[in-house]
Amino acid sequence: MRAVRPDISERTACRLLQVSRSALHRSTKGKRAHATLSETLVAKLEPLIQAYPTYGYRRLWALLRFREG
């Protein structure tokens, strides 16, 4: 927000746009954290999928939880 309009505060900009400040932070930070988590899960799931190709997502998730603790 500051990069676009440094003269307007975050609170004022959110009020003008009728968006809550928490929604603004959630939209900017949530996607990066979610993408990192997804990449980590994919890296952990790929060997399990290769080892157990007939397992569905529920069984793979249970196996991952069992192995990870």
N, C-alpha and C. Protein backbone atom coordinates (compact mmCIF):
# COMPACT_ATOMS: atom_id res chain seq x y z
N MET A 1 0.82 -1.19 0.00
CA MET A 1 0.00 0.00 0.00
C MET A 1 0.86 1.26 0.00
N ARG A 2 1.88 1.27 0.81
CA ARG A 2 2.77 2.44 0.88
C ARG A 2 3.50 2.66 -0.44
N ALA A 3 3.77 1.61 -1.17
CA ALA A 3 4.49 1.76 -2.43
C ALA A 3 3.65 2.51 -3.47
N VAL A 4 2.34 2.33 -3.40
CA VAL A 4 1.46 2.98 -4.37
C VAL A 4 1.16 4.42 -3.98
N ARG A 5 0.76 4.63 -2.72
CA ARG A 5 0.42 5.97 -2.23
C ARG A 5 1.04 6.19 -0.86
N PRO A 6 2.24 6.71 -0.78
CA PRO A 6 2.90 6.89 0.51
C PRO A 6 2.26 7.95 1.40
N ASP A 7 1.44 8.83 0.82
CA ASP A 7 0.82 9.89 1.60
C ASP A 7 -0.45 9.46 2.33
N ILE A 8 -1.00 8.29 2.02
CA ILE A 8 -2.23 7.80 2.64
C ILE A 8 -1.89 6.66 3.60
N SER A 9 -2.45 6.73 4.79
CA SER A 9 -2.19 5.67 5.77
C SER A 9 -2.96 4.41 5.38
N GLU A 10 -2.52 3.30 5.92
CA GLU A 10 -3.17 2.02 5.65
C GLU A 10 -4.62 2.04 6.13
N ARG A 11 -4.84 2.62 7.29
CA ARG A 11 -6.19 2.68 7.86
C ARG A 11 -7.12 3.48 6.95
N THR A 12 -6.66 4.61 6.47
CA THR A 12 -7.48 5.46 5.60
C THR A 12 -7.75 4.76 4.27
N ALA A 13 -6.75 4.13 3.71
CA ALA A 13 -6.93 3.44 2.43
C ALA A 13 -7.94 2.30 2.57
N CYS A 14 -7.85 1.55 3.65
CA CYS A 14 -8.79 0.45 3.85
C CYS A 14 -10.20 0.97 4.06
N ARG A 15 -10.34 2.08 4.78
CA ARG A 15 -11.65 2.67 5.00
C ARG A 15 -12.24 3.15 3.67
N LEU A 16 -11.43 3.78 2.83
CA LEU A 16 -11.91 4.26 1.54
C LEU A 16 -12.31 3.11 0.62
N LEU A 17 -11.56 2.02 0.68
CA LEU A 17 -11.85 0.86 -0.16
C LEU A 17 -12.89 -0.07 0.44
N GLN A 18 -13.30 0.23 1.68
CA GLN A 18 -14.26 -0.58 2.43
C GLN A 18 -13.78 -2.02 2.58
N VAL A 19 -12.52 -2.14 2.99
CA VAL A 19 -11.89 -3.43 3.24
C VAL A 19 -11.30 -3.37 4.64
N SER A 20 -11.47 -4.45 5.40
CA SER A 20 -10.88 -4.46 6.73
C SER A 20 -9.37 -4.58 6.64
N ARG A 21 -8.68 -4.03 7.62
CA ARG A 21 -7.22 -4.10 7.61
C ARG A 21 -6.74 -5.54 7.74
N SER A 22 -7.47 -6.35 8.50
CA SER A 22 -7.05 -7.75 8.64
C SER A 22 -7.18 -8.50 7.31
N ALA A 23 -8.19 -8.17 6.53
CA ALA A 23 -8.34 -8.79 5.21
C ALA A 23 -7.20 -8.39 4.29
N LEU A 24 -6.75 -7.16 4.42
CA LEU A 24 -5.62 -6.70 3.60
C LEU A 24 -4.37 -7.50 3.93
N HIS A 25 -4.09 -7.68 5.20
CA HIS A 25 -2.92 -8.43 5.61
C HIS A 25 -3.05 -9.91 5.26
N ARG A 26 -4.24 -10.44 5.40
CA ARG A 26 -4.47 -11.85 5.08
C ARG A 26 -4.24 -12.10 3.60
N SER A 27 -4.68 -11.17 2.75
CA SER A 27 -4.53 -11.38 1.31
C SER A 27 -3.08 -11.23 0.86
N THR A 28 -2.29 -10.42 1.56
CA THR A 28 -0.91 -10.23 1.12
C THR A 28 0.03 -11.28 1.68
N LYS A 29 -0.22 -11.78 2.87
CA LYS A 29 0.70 -12.72 3.49
C LYS A 29 0.27 -14.17 3.35
N GLY A 30 -1.01 -14.42 3.23
CA GLY A 30 -1.51 -15.78 3.24
C GLY A 30 -1.08 -16.62 2.05
N LYS A 31 -0.98 -16.02 0.90
CA LYS A 31 -0.68 -16.80 -0.30
C LYS A 31 0.75 -17.31 -0.31
N ARG A 32 1.69 -16.50 0.18
CA ARG A 32 3.08 -16.95 0.21
C ARG A 32 3.25 -18.10 1.19
N ALA A 33 2.65 -17.98 2.34
CA ALA A 33 2.76 -19.04 3.34
C ALA A 33 2.08 -20.31 2.84
N HIS A 34 0.93 -20.14 2.19
CA HIS A 34 0.21 -21.29 1.66
C HIS A 34 1.00 -21.97 0.54
N ALA A 35 1.63 -21.20 -0.32
CA ALA A 35 2.42 -21.76 -1.41
C ALA A 35 3.62 -22.53 -0.87
N THR A 36 4.27 -22.01 0.16
CA THR A 36 5.41 -22.70 0.76
C THR A 36 4.96 -24.00 1.40
N LEU A 37 3.83 -23.96 2.08
CA LEU A 37 3.29 -25.17 2.70
C LEU A 37 2.94 -26.20 1.65
N SER A 38 2.33 -25.77 0.55
CA SER A 38 1.96 -26.68 -0.52
C SER A 38 3.19 -27.32 -1.15
N GLU A 39 4.23 -26.55 -1.37
CA GLU A 39 5.46 -27.10 -1.95
C GLU A 39 6.08 -28.12 -1.01
N THR A 40 6.04 -27.86 0.28
CA THR A 40 6.58 -28.80 1.26
C THR A 40 5.78 -30.09 1.25
N LEU A 41 4.46 -29.98 1.21
CA LEU A 41 3.62 -31.18 1.20
C LEU A 41 3.82 -31.99 -0.08
N VAL A 42 3.95 -31.31 -1.19
CA VAL A 42 4.17 -32.01 -2.46
C VAL A 42 5.48 -32.77 -2.41
N ALA A 43 6.51 -32.16 -1.86
CA ALA A 43 7.81 -32.82 -1.76
C ALA A 43 7.73 -34.05 -0.86
N LYS A 44 6.91 -34.01 0.16
CA LYS A 44 6.76 -35.16 1.05
C LYS A 44 5.85 -36.22 0.46
N LEU A 45 4.86 -35.80 -0.32
CA LEU A 45 3.90 -36.75 -0.87
C LEU A 45 4.39 -37.47 -2.11
N GLU A 46 5.24 -36.85 -2.91
CA GLU A 46 5.68 -37.48 -4.16
C GLU A 46 6.31 -38.86 -3.96
N PRO A 47 7.24 -39.05 -3.00
CA PRO A 47 7.78 -40.40 -2.81
C PRO A 47 6.73 -41.40 -2.35
N LEU A 48 5.76 -40.94 -1.56
CA LEU A 48 4.70 -41.84 -1.10
C LEU A 48 3.80 -42.25 -2.26
N ILE A 49 3.52 -41.32 -3.16
CA ILE A 49 2.69 -41.64 -4.32
C ILE A 49 3.40 -42.63 -5.22
N GLN A 50 4.72 -42.49 -5.37
CA GLN A 50 5.48 -43.44 -6.18
C GLN A 50 5.51 -44.82 -5.53
N ALA A 51 5.63 -44.85 -4.21
CA ALA A 51 5.70 -46.13 -3.50
C ALA A 51 4.35 -46.82 -3.41
N TYR A 52 3.28 -46.04 -3.30
CA TYR A 52 1.93 -46.59 -3.14
C TYR A 52 0.99 -45.98 -4.17
N PRO A 53 1.09 -46.38 -5.42
CA PRO A 53 0.30 -45.73 -6.47
C PRO A 53 -1.21 -46.00 -6.37
N THR A 54 -1.62 -47.04 -5.66
CA THR A 54 -3.04 -47.34 -5.56
C THR A 54 -3.71 -46.68 -4.37
N TYR A 55 -2.95 -46.02 -3.53
CA TYR A 55 -3.52 -45.35 -2.35
C TYR A 55 -4.23 -44.07 -2.78
N GLY A 56 -5.34 -43.81 -2.14
CA GLY A 56 -6.06 -42.56 -2.37
C GLY A 56 -5.52 -41.46 -1.48
N TYR A 57 -6.13 -40.29 -1.60
CA TYR A 57 -5.60 -39.15 -0.84
C TYR A 57 -5.80 -39.31 0.65
N ARG A 58 -6.87 -39.97 1.08
CA ARG A 58 -7.09 -40.14 2.51
C ARG A 58 -6.04 -41.07 3.12
N ARG A 59 -5.77 -42.14 2.42
CA ARG A 59 -4.79 -43.10 2.93
C ARG A 59 -3.38 -42.51 2.90
N LEU A 60 -3.06 -41.76 1.86
CA LEU A 60 -1.75 -41.10 1.78
C LEU A 60 -1.61 -40.06 2.89
N TRP A 61 -2.68 -39.32 3.17
CA TRP A 61 -2.63 -38.33 4.24
C TRP A 61 -2.42 -39.01 5.59
N ALA A 62 -3.10 -40.14 5.81
CA ALA A 62 -2.93 -40.89 7.06
C ALA A 62 -1.50 -41.42 7.17
N LEU A 63 -0.96 -41.91 6.08
CA LEU A 63 0.41 -42.42 6.08
C LEU A 63 1.41 -41.29 6.36
N LEU A 64 1.19 -40.15 5.78
CA LEU A 64 2.05 -38.99 6.01
C LEU A 64 1.98 -38.54 7.47
N ARG A 65 0.78 -38.49 8.02
CA ARG A 65 0.63 -38.11 9.43
C ARG A 65 1.31 -39.12 10.34
N PHE A 66 1.20 -40.40 10.02
CA PHE A 66 1.81 -41.44 10.83
C PHE A 66 3.33 -41.32 10.80
N ARG A 67 3.89 -41.08 9.60
CA ARG A 67 5.35 -40.98 9.47
C ARG A 67 5.90 -39.70 10.08
N GLU A 68 5.16 -38.61 9.94
CA GLU A 68 5.63 -37.32 10.45
C GLU A 68 5.39 -37.16 11.95
N GLY A 69 4.47 -37.92 12.47
CA GLY A 69 4.20 -37.85 13.92
C GLY A 69 3.10 -37.02 14.26
